Amino acid sequence: MAAQIRPMSGGGYGRRRYYRPVSDINVTPFVDVMLVLLVVFMVTAPLMTVAVPIDLPKTQARSLTQNKEPLVVSIDSNGKIYLQEKQMELADLTAKLKAITGTNADARIFVRGDKAVSYGNIMEVMGMISAAGFNKVALVADLPKPDAPHP
């Protein structure tokens, strides 16, 4: 076994080094863009709620954690009824709910009522929804702030 040693052009011995292009992907710009998008979505997600302005009553109950988006029926301080953000009459509400949910009796429906609306109006809406065959109807309330006095 013999090895041949060639002198380099500079007078020294050794291998000639060739530079190859780097084939690695630089992911730093990709990570930067993803972090910016994450911040944007974290800021805008809470703003994407139902836009009917309602002053909800406060409660001590824990909030429900579910993964499927519920339908929201709102009753404002004037007694007007909204499905999501569209105003409608009480007589048309159940037909619209059935059209949206189809035959799904387990569709979650949240009822939001302004605290200025009488309890009877809210119960009338909930009764119509329950009578239409929907099993999962719930009232929505705001949690009080930790430093606010309880009424």
N, C-alpha and C. Protein backbone atom coordinates (compact mmCIF):
# COMPACT_ATOMS: atom_id res chain seq x y z
N MET A 1 0.83 -1.16 0.00
CA MET A 1 0.00 0.00 0.00
C MET A 1 0.89 1.23 0.00
N ALA A 2 0.73 1.96 -1.01
CA ALA A 2 1.52 3.17 -1.14
C ALA A 2 0.60 4.36 -1.29
N ALA A 3 1.03 5.46 -0.80
CA ALA A 3 0.27 6.69 -0.92
C ALA A 3 1.09 7.71 -1.66
N GLN A 4 0.44 8.39 -2.52
CA GLN A 4 1.16 9.39 -3.29
C GLN A 4 0.81 10.77 -2.75
N ILE A 5 1.81 11.56 -2.49
CA ILE A 5 1.62 12.90 -1.96
C ILE A 5 1.97 13.87 -3.07
N ARG A 6 1.01 14.74 -3.39
CA ARG A 6 1.24 15.73 -4.44
C ARG A 6 1.47 17.09 -3.83
N PRO A 7 2.42 17.80 -4.30
CA PRO A 7 2.59 19.16 -3.79
C PRO A 7 1.53 20.08 -4.35
N MET A 8 1.07 21.03 -3.53
CA MET A 8 0.09 22.01 -3.99
C MET A 8 0.81 23.13 -4.68
N SER A 9 0.06 23.95 -5.38
CA SER A 9 0.67 25.02 -6.14
C SER A 9 1.35 26.05 -5.26
N GLY A 10 0.94 26.13 -4.02
CA GLY A 10 1.53 27.11 -3.11
C GLY A 10 2.78 26.57 -2.46
N GLY A 11 3.21 25.43 -2.83
CA GLY A 11 4.42 24.88 -2.27
C GLY A 11 4.16 23.95 -1.11
N GLY A 12 2.94 23.91 -0.58
CA GLY A 12 2.66 23.05 0.56
C GLY A 12 2.09 21.73 0.11
N TYR A 13 1.97 20.81 1.01
CA TYR A 13 1.40 19.52 0.71
C TYR A 13 -0.01 19.44 1.27
N GLY A 14 -0.84 18.67 0.69
CA GLY A 14 -2.20 18.47 1.19
C GLY A 14 -3.22 18.47 0.07
N ARG A 15 -4.42 18.36 0.46
CA ARG A 15 -5.51 18.32 -0.52
C ARG A 15 -5.94 19.71 -0.91
N ARG A 16 -6.42 19.81 -2.09
CA ARG A 16 -6.98 21.08 -2.54
C ARG A 16 -8.44 21.13 -2.05
N ARG A 17 -8.85 22.23 -1.49
CA ARG A 17 -10.20 22.34 -0.94
C ARG A 17 -11.10 23.06 -1.94
N TYR A 18 -12.19 22.41 -2.21
CA TYR A 18 -13.19 23.00 -3.09
C TYR A 18 -14.40 23.38 -2.25
N TYR A 19 -14.95 24.54 -2.51
CA TYR A 19 -16.15 24.98 -1.78
C TYR A 19 -17.38 24.58 -2.56
N ARG A 20 -18.24 23.83 -1.89
CA ARG A 20 -19.50 23.43 -2.49
C ARG A 20 -20.61 24.35 -2.00
N PRO A 21 -21.64 24.59 -2.82
CA PRO A 21 -22.76 25.41 -2.33
C PRO A 21 -23.48 24.68 -1.18
N VAL A 22 -23.96 25.46 -0.23
CA VAL A 22 -24.67 24.89 0.92
C VAL A 22 -26.06 24.49 0.46
N SER A 23 -26.45 23.26 0.75
CA SER A 23 -27.77 22.79 0.32
C SER A 23 -28.78 22.80 1.45
N ASP A 24 -28.45 23.40 2.58
CA ASP A 24 -29.39 23.50 3.69
C ASP A 24 -30.35 24.66 3.45
N ILE A 25 -31.57 24.49 3.97
CA ILE A 25 -32.58 25.55 3.84
C ILE A 25 -32.50 26.44 5.08
N ASN A 26 -32.48 27.72 4.86
CA ASN A 26 -32.47 28.67 5.97
C ASN A 26 -33.91 28.88 6.43
N VAL A 27 -34.25 28.38 7.61
CA VAL A 27 -35.63 28.46 8.10
C VAL A 27 -35.89 29.68 8.96
N THR A 28 -34.91 30.49 9.21
CA THR A 28 -35.09 31.66 10.07
C THR A 28 -36.15 32.62 9.53
N PRO A 29 -36.15 32.99 8.24
CA PRO A 29 -37.24 33.86 7.76
C PRO A 29 -38.61 33.22 7.87
N PHE A 30 -38.67 31.91 7.66
CA PHE A 30 -39.94 31.20 7.77
C PHE A 30 -40.46 31.26 9.22
N VAL A 31 -39.59 31.03 10.18
CA VAL A 31 -39.98 31.09 11.59
C VAL A 31 -40.41 32.50 11.96
N ASP A 32 -39.71 33.51 11.46
CA ASP A 32 -40.09 34.90 11.74
C ASP A 32 -41.49 35.21 11.24
N VAL A 33 -41.80 34.78 10.03
CA VAL A 33 -43.13 35.02 9.46
C VAL A 33 -44.19 34.28 10.26
N MET A 34 -43.92 33.05 10.66
CA MET A 34 -44.89 32.27 11.44
C MET A 34 -45.15 32.92 12.80
N LEU A 35 -44.12 33.44 13.43
CA LEU A 35 -44.32 34.11 14.72
C LEU A 35 -45.15 35.38 14.59
N VAL A 36 -44.92 36.13 13.52
CA VAL A 36 -45.72 37.33 13.29
C VAL A 36 -47.19 36.95 13.05
N LEU A 37 -47.42 35.91 12.25
CA LEU A 37 -48.79 35.46 12.01
C LEU A 37 -49.45 34.96 13.30
N LEU A 38 -48.69 34.27 14.13
CA LEU A 38 -49.22 33.81 15.40
C LEU A 38 -49.67 34.98 16.26
N VAL A 39 -48.88 36.00 16.35
CA VAL A 39 -49.24 37.18 17.15
C VAL A 39 -50.48 37.86 16.57
N VAL A 40 -50.53 37.98 15.24
CA VAL A 40 -51.69 38.62 14.61
C VAL A 40 -52.96 37.84 14.91
N PHE A 41 -52.92 36.52 14.80
CA PHE A 41 -54.12 35.73 15.07
C PHE A 41 -54.49 35.73 16.55
N MET A 42 -53.50 35.78 17.42
CA MET A 42 -53.81 35.85 18.85
C MET A 42 -54.49 37.16 19.21
N VAL A 43 -54.13 38.23 18.54
CA VAL A 43 -54.73 39.53 18.83
C VAL A 43 -56.13 39.63 18.22
N THR A 44 -56.31 39.11 17.01
CA THR A 44 -57.60 39.27 16.32
C THR A 44 -58.64 38.23 16.71
N ALA A 45 -58.26 37.08 17.24
CA ALA A 45 -59.23 36.03 17.57
C ALA A 45 -60.28 36.49 18.59
N PRO A 46 -59.90 37.17 19.67
CA PRO A 46 -60.95 37.61 20.61
C PRO A 46 -61.89 38.65 20.01
N LEU A 47 -61.47 39.34 18.97
CA LEU A 47 -62.33 40.36 18.36
C LEU A 47 -63.36 39.76 17.43
N MET A 48 -63.23 38.47 17.11
CA MET A 48 -64.13 37.83 16.15
C MET A 48 -65.29 37.14 16.88
N THR A 49 -66.00 37.86 17.70
CA THR A 49 -67.15 37.32 18.41
C THR A 49 -68.41 37.91 17.80
N VAL A 50 -69.55 37.47 18.30
CA VAL A 50 -70.82 37.97 17.80
C VAL A 50 -70.90 39.47 18.09
N ALA A 51 -71.30 40.25 17.09
CA ALA A 51 -71.21 41.70 17.18
C ALA A 51 -72.46 42.39 17.71
N VAL A 52 -73.45 41.65 18.17
CA VAL A 52 -74.64 42.28 18.72
C VAL A 52 -74.29 42.78 20.12
N PRO A 53 -74.37 44.09 20.37
CA PRO A 53 -73.98 44.61 21.69
C PRO A 53 -75.01 44.28 22.76
N ILE A 54 -74.58 43.46 23.72
CA ILE A 54 -75.47 43.02 24.79
C ILE A 54 -74.73 43.15 26.11
N ASP A 55 -75.40 43.68 27.12
CA ASP A 55 -74.84 43.79 28.46
C ASP A 55 -75.24 42.53 29.23
N LEU A 56 -74.33 41.53 29.26
CA LEU A 56 -74.65 40.24 29.87
C LEU A 56 -74.57 40.33 31.39
N PRO A 57 -75.42 39.57 32.09
CA PRO A 57 -75.32 39.53 33.54
C PRO A 57 -74.06 38.78 33.97
N LYS A 58 -73.60 39.00 35.19
CA LYS A 58 -72.39 38.37 35.72
C LYS A 58 -72.76 37.10 36.47
N THR A 59 -71.85 36.12 36.47
CA THR A 59 -72.08 34.87 37.18
C THR A 59 -70.76 34.31 37.70
N GLN A 60 -70.84 33.39 38.64
CA GLN A 60 -69.65 32.75 39.21
C GLN A 60 -69.36 31.40 38.54
N ALA A 61 -70.24 30.92 37.66
CA ALA A 61 -70.07 29.60 37.05
C ALA A 61 -68.86 29.57 36.12
N ARG A 62 -68.28 28.37 36.00
CA ARG A 62 -67.15 28.20 35.09
C ARG A 62 -67.65 28.18 33.65
N SER A 63 -66.77 28.56 32.72
CA SER A 63 -67.16 28.55 31.32
C SER A 63 -67.02 27.13 30.76
N LEU A 64 -67.83 26.83 29.74
CA LEU A 64 -67.78 25.53 29.10
C LEU A 64 -66.63 25.49 28.11
N THR A 65 -65.95 24.35 28.04
CA THR A 65 -64.88 24.20 27.05
C THR A 65 -65.32 23.13 26.06
N GLN A 66 -65.67 23.55 24.88
CA GLN A 66 -66.11 22.65 23.83
C GLN A 66 -65.34 22.99 22.57
N ASN A 67 -65.26 22.04 21.64
CA ASN A 67 -64.45 22.27 20.46
C ASN A 67 -65.26 22.69 19.23
N LYS A 68 -66.57 22.52 19.24
CA LYS A 68 -67.37 22.88 18.08
C LYS A 68 -68.06 24.23 18.32
N GLU A 69 -68.08 25.07 17.31
CA GLU A 69 -68.65 26.42 17.42
C GLU A 69 -70.18 26.33 17.55
N PRO A 70 -70.77 26.92 18.61
CA PRO A 70 -72.22 26.86 18.78
C PRO A 70 -72.93 27.95 17.98
N LEU A 71 -74.22 27.78 17.80
CA LEU A 71 -75.05 28.85 17.24
C LEU A 71 -75.42 29.78 18.40
N VAL A 72 -75.49 31.06 18.12
CA VAL A 72 -75.76 32.03 19.18
C VAL A 72 -77.05 32.78 18.85
N VAL A 73 -78.00 32.73 19.77
CA VAL A 73 -79.23 33.50 19.67
C VAL A 73 -79.11 34.62 20.71
N SER A 74 -79.24 35.86 20.26
CA SER A 74 -79.09 37.01 21.14
C SER A 74 -80.39 37.79 21.23
N ILE A 75 -80.65 38.33 22.42
CA ILE A 75 -81.80 39.19 22.64
C ILE A 75 -81.26 40.50 23.19
N ASP A 76 -81.42 41.59 22.44
CA ASP A 76 -80.85 42.87 22.89
C ASP A 76 -81.79 43.56 23.88
N SER A 77 -81.39 44.73 24.34
CA SER A 77 -82.15 45.43 25.38
C SER A 77 -83.53 45.86 24.92
N ASN A 78 -83.75 45.95 23.60
CA ASN A 78 -85.07 46.32 23.07
C ASN A 78 -85.95 45.10 22.81
N GLY A 79 -85.45 43.90 23.07
CA GLY A 79 -86.22 42.69 22.85
C GLY A 79 -86.10 42.13 21.44
N LYS A 80 -85.22 42.69 20.62
CA LYS A 80 -85.03 42.18 19.26
C LYS A 80 -84.21 40.90 19.32
N ILE A 81 -84.55 39.94 18.47
CA ILE A 81 -83.90 38.63 18.47
C ILE A 81 -82.97 38.53 17.28
N TYR A 82 -81.76 38.00 17.55
CA TYR A 82 -80.74 37.83 16.50
C TYR A 82 -80.27 36.39 16.51
N LEU A 83 -80.09 35.82 15.32
CA LEU A 83 -79.43 34.53 15.16
C LEU A 83 -78.08 34.84 14.56
N GLN A 84 -77.01 34.56 15.33
CA GLN A 84 -75.66 35.01 15.03
C GLN A 84 -75.72 36.54 14.98
N GLU A 85 -75.65 37.17 13.82
CA GLU A 85 -75.71 38.64 13.75
C GLU A 85 -76.91 39.14 12.96
N LYS A 86 -77.78 38.23 12.53
CA LYS A 86 -78.92 38.61 11.69
C LYS A 86 -80.19 38.71 12.54
N GLN A 87 -80.86 39.86 12.44
CA GLN A 87 -82.10 40.06 13.19
C GLN A 87 -83.22 39.29 12.54
N MET A 88 -84.10 38.71 13.37
CA MET A 88 -85.25 37.96 12.85
C MET A 88 -86.38 37.97 13.87
N GLU A 89 -87.53 37.54 13.41
CA GLU A 89 -88.71 37.44 14.27
C GLU A 89 -88.67 36.12 15.02
N LEU A 90 -89.32 36.09 16.18
CA LEU A 90 -89.35 34.88 17.01
C LEU A 90 -90.00 33.72 16.27
N ALA A 91 -91.01 33.99 15.47
CA ALA A 91 -91.71 32.93 14.74
C ALA A 91 -90.80 32.27 13.70
N ASP A 92 -89.83 32.99 13.16
CA ASP A 92 -88.94 32.44 12.13
C ASP A 92 -87.70 31.76 12.71
N LEU A 93 -87.48 31.91 14.01
CA LEU A 93 -86.24 31.44 14.62
C LEU A 93 -86.06 29.93 14.52
N THR A 94 -87.08 29.16 14.89
CA THR A 94 -86.90 27.70 14.90
C THR A 94 -86.74 27.15 13.48
N ALA A 95 -87.46 27.72 12.52
CA ALA A 95 -87.31 27.25 11.15
C ALA A 95 -85.89 27.51 10.64
N LYS A 96 -85.33 28.66 10.99
CA LYS A 96 -83.97 29.00 10.57
C LYS A 96 -82.95 28.08 11.26
N LEU A 97 -83.16 27.81 12.55
CA LEU A 97 -82.26 26.91 13.26
C LEU A 97 -82.27 25.51 12.66
N LYS A 98 -83.46 25.02 12.33
CA LYS A 98 -83.56 23.69 11.71
C LYS A 98 -82.91 23.67 10.33
N ALA A 99 -83.02 24.78 9.60
CA ALA A 99 -82.39 24.84 8.27
C ALA A 99 -80.86 24.82 8.40
N ILE A 100 -80.34 25.44 9.43
CA ILE A 100 -78.89 25.49 9.61
C ILE A 100 -78.35 24.16 10.12
N THR A 101 -79.01 23.57 11.12
CA THR A 101 -78.50 22.36 11.75
C THR A 101 -78.95 21.08 11.07
N GLY A 102 -79.97 21.14 10.26
CA GLY A 102 -80.49 19.92 9.62
C GLY A 102 -81.20 19.07 10.66
N THR A 103 -80.84 17.80 10.73
CA THR A 103 -81.49 16.88 11.67
C THR A 103 -80.68 16.70 12.95
N ASN A 104 -79.70 17.55 13.17
CA ASN A 104 -78.84 17.43 14.35
C ASN A 104 -79.52 18.05 15.57
N ALA A 105 -80.14 17.20 16.39
CA ALA A 105 -80.81 17.69 17.60
C ALA A 105 -79.80 18.03 18.70
N ASP A 106 -78.55 17.59 18.56
CA ASP A 106 -77.52 17.86 19.56
C ASP A 106 -76.68 19.08 19.23
N ALA A 107 -77.13 19.91 18.29
CA ALA A 107 -76.40 21.14 17.98
C ALA A 107 -76.46 22.05 19.20
N ARG A 108 -75.32 22.64 19.55
CA ARG A 108 -75.27 23.53 20.71
C ARG A 108 -75.79 24.91 20.33
N ILE A 109 -76.69 25.43 21.14
CA ILE A 109 -77.27 26.75 20.91
C ILE A 109 -77.11 27.55 22.20
N PHE A 110 -76.44 28.68 22.08
CA PHE A 110 -76.27 29.57 23.23
C PHE A 110 -77.25 30.72 23.11
N VAL A 111 -77.93 31.04 24.21
CA VAL A 111 -78.87 32.15 24.26
C VAL A 111 -78.23 33.25 25.10
N ARG A 112 -78.04 34.40 24.48
CA ARG A 112 -77.47 35.57 25.16
C ARG A 112 -78.59 36.59 25.33
N GLY A 113 -78.87 36.98 26.55
CA GLY A 113 -79.92 37.95 26.79
C GLY A 113 -79.38 39.14 27.56
N ASP A 114 -79.69 40.33 27.10
CA ASP A 114 -79.29 41.55 27.80
C ASP A 114 -79.93 41.53 29.19
N LYS A 115 -79.21 42.05 30.19
CA LYS A 115 -79.77 42.01 31.54
C LYS A 115 -80.97 42.92 31.71
N ALA A 116 -81.22 43.82 30.76
CA ALA A 116 -82.39 44.69 30.82
C ALA A 116 -83.65 43.98 30.29
N VAL A 117 -83.48 42.86 29.60
CA VAL A 117 -84.62 42.11 29.06
C VAL A 117 -85.23 41.28 30.18
N SER A 118 -86.54 41.17 30.18
CA SER A 118 -87.21 40.41 31.24
C SER A 118 -86.91 38.92 31.11
N TYR A 119 -86.92 38.26 32.24
CA TYR A 119 -86.67 36.82 32.31
C TYR A 119 -87.68 36.05 31.45
N GLY A 120 -88.90 36.53 31.41
CA GLY A 120 -89.95 35.86 30.63
C GLY A 120 -89.65 35.85 29.14
N ASN A 121 -89.10 36.94 28.62
CA ASN A 121 -88.75 36.98 27.19
C ASN A 121 -87.65 35.97 26.86
N ILE A 122 -86.66 35.88 27.73
CA ILE A 122 -85.57 34.93 27.50
C ILE A 122 -86.09 33.51 27.58
N MET A 123 -86.95 33.23 28.55
CA MET A 123 -87.50 31.88 28.69
C MET A 123 -88.43 31.52 27.53
N GLU A 124 -89.11 32.50 26.97
CA GLU A 124 -89.96 32.26 25.81
C GLU A 124 -89.11 31.80 24.62
N VAL A 125 -87.98 32.48 24.40
CA VAL A 125 -87.08 32.11 23.31
C VAL A 125 -86.50 30.72 23.56
N MET A 126 -86.03 30.47 24.79
CA MET A 126 -85.46 29.15 25.10
C MET A 126 -86.51 28.05 24.98
N GLY A 127 -87.73 28.33 25.38
CA GLY A 127 -88.80 27.35 25.28
C GLY A 127 -89.10 27.00 23.84
N MET A 128 -89.12 27.99 22.96
CA MET A 128 -89.37 27.71 21.54
C MET A 128 -88.25 26.86 20.95
N ILE A 129 -87.01 27.16 21.33
CA ILE A 129 -85.88 26.39 20.81
C ILE A 129 -85.95 24.95 21.31
N SER A 130 -86.24 24.78 22.60
CA SER A 130 -86.35 23.43 23.16
C SER A 130 -87.52 22.68 22.55
N ALA A 131 -88.66 23.35 22.34
CA ALA A 131 -89.83 22.70 21.74
C ALA A 131 -89.58 22.28 20.30
N ALA A 132 -88.63 22.94 19.63
CA ALA A 132 -88.30 22.59 18.26
C ALA A 132 -87.45 21.32 18.20
N GLY A 133 -87.03 20.79 19.38
CA GLY A 133 -86.30 19.53 19.40
C GLY A 133 -84.81 19.66 19.65
N PHE A 134 -84.34 20.83 20.00
CA PHE A 134 -82.91 21.01 20.28
C PHE A 134 -82.65 20.69 21.74
N ASN A 135 -81.68 19.80 22.00
CA ASN A 135 -81.41 19.31 23.35
C ASN A 135 -80.38 20.14 24.11
N LYS A 136 -79.47 20.78 23.41
CA LYS A 136 -78.36 21.47 24.07
C LYS A 136 -78.51 22.99 23.93
N VAL A 137 -79.36 23.55 24.79
CA VAL A 137 -79.61 24.99 24.82
C VAL A 137 -79.07 25.51 26.14
N ALA A 138 -78.25 26.57 26.09
CA ALA A 138 -77.63 27.08 27.30
C ALA A 138 -77.68 28.60 27.32
N LEU A 139 -77.72 29.17 28.53
CA LEU A 139 -77.66 30.61 28.71
C LEU A 139 -76.20 31.03 28.81
N VAL A 140 -75.89 32.24 28.33
CA VAL A 140 -74.54 32.78 28.38
C VAL A 140 -74.53 33.96 29.33
N ALA A 141 -73.50 34.04 30.17
CA ALA A 141 -73.33 35.17 31.10
C ALA A 141 -71.85 35.52 31.14
N ASP A 142 -71.54 36.73 31.55
CA ASP A 142 -70.16 37.18 31.71
C ASP A 142 -69.65 36.79 33.09
N LEU A 143 -68.35 36.47 33.17
CA LEU A 143 -67.73 36.26 34.46
C LEU A 143 -67.37 37.62 35.05
N PRO A 144 -67.58 37.82 36.33
CA PRO A 144 -67.22 39.11 36.92
C PRO A 144 -65.71 39.26 37.01
N LYS A 145 -65.25 40.49 37.00
CA LYS A 145 -63.82 40.75 37.14
C LYS A 145 -63.42 40.41 38.57
N PRO A 146 -62.18 39.91 38.78
CA PRO A 146 -61.78 39.47 40.13
C PRO A 146 -61.84 40.57 41.19
N ASP A 147 -61.58 41.82 40.83
CA ASP A 147 -61.57 42.89 41.81
C ASP A 147 -62.91 43.65 41.89
N ALA A 148 -63.91 43.22 41.12
CA ALA A 148 -65.20 43.91 41.14
C ALA A 148 -66.05 43.38 42.29
N PRO A 149 -66.83 44.24 42.95
CA PRO A 149 -67.72 43.77 44.03
C PRO A 149 -68.86 42.95 43.45
N HIS A 150 -69.28 41.94 44.19
CA HIS A 150 -70.38 41.09 43.74
C HIS A 150 -71.71 41.71 44.13
N PRO A 151 -72.68 41.72 43.19
CA PRO A 151 -73.99 42.34 43.53
C PRO A 151 -74.82 41.48 44.45
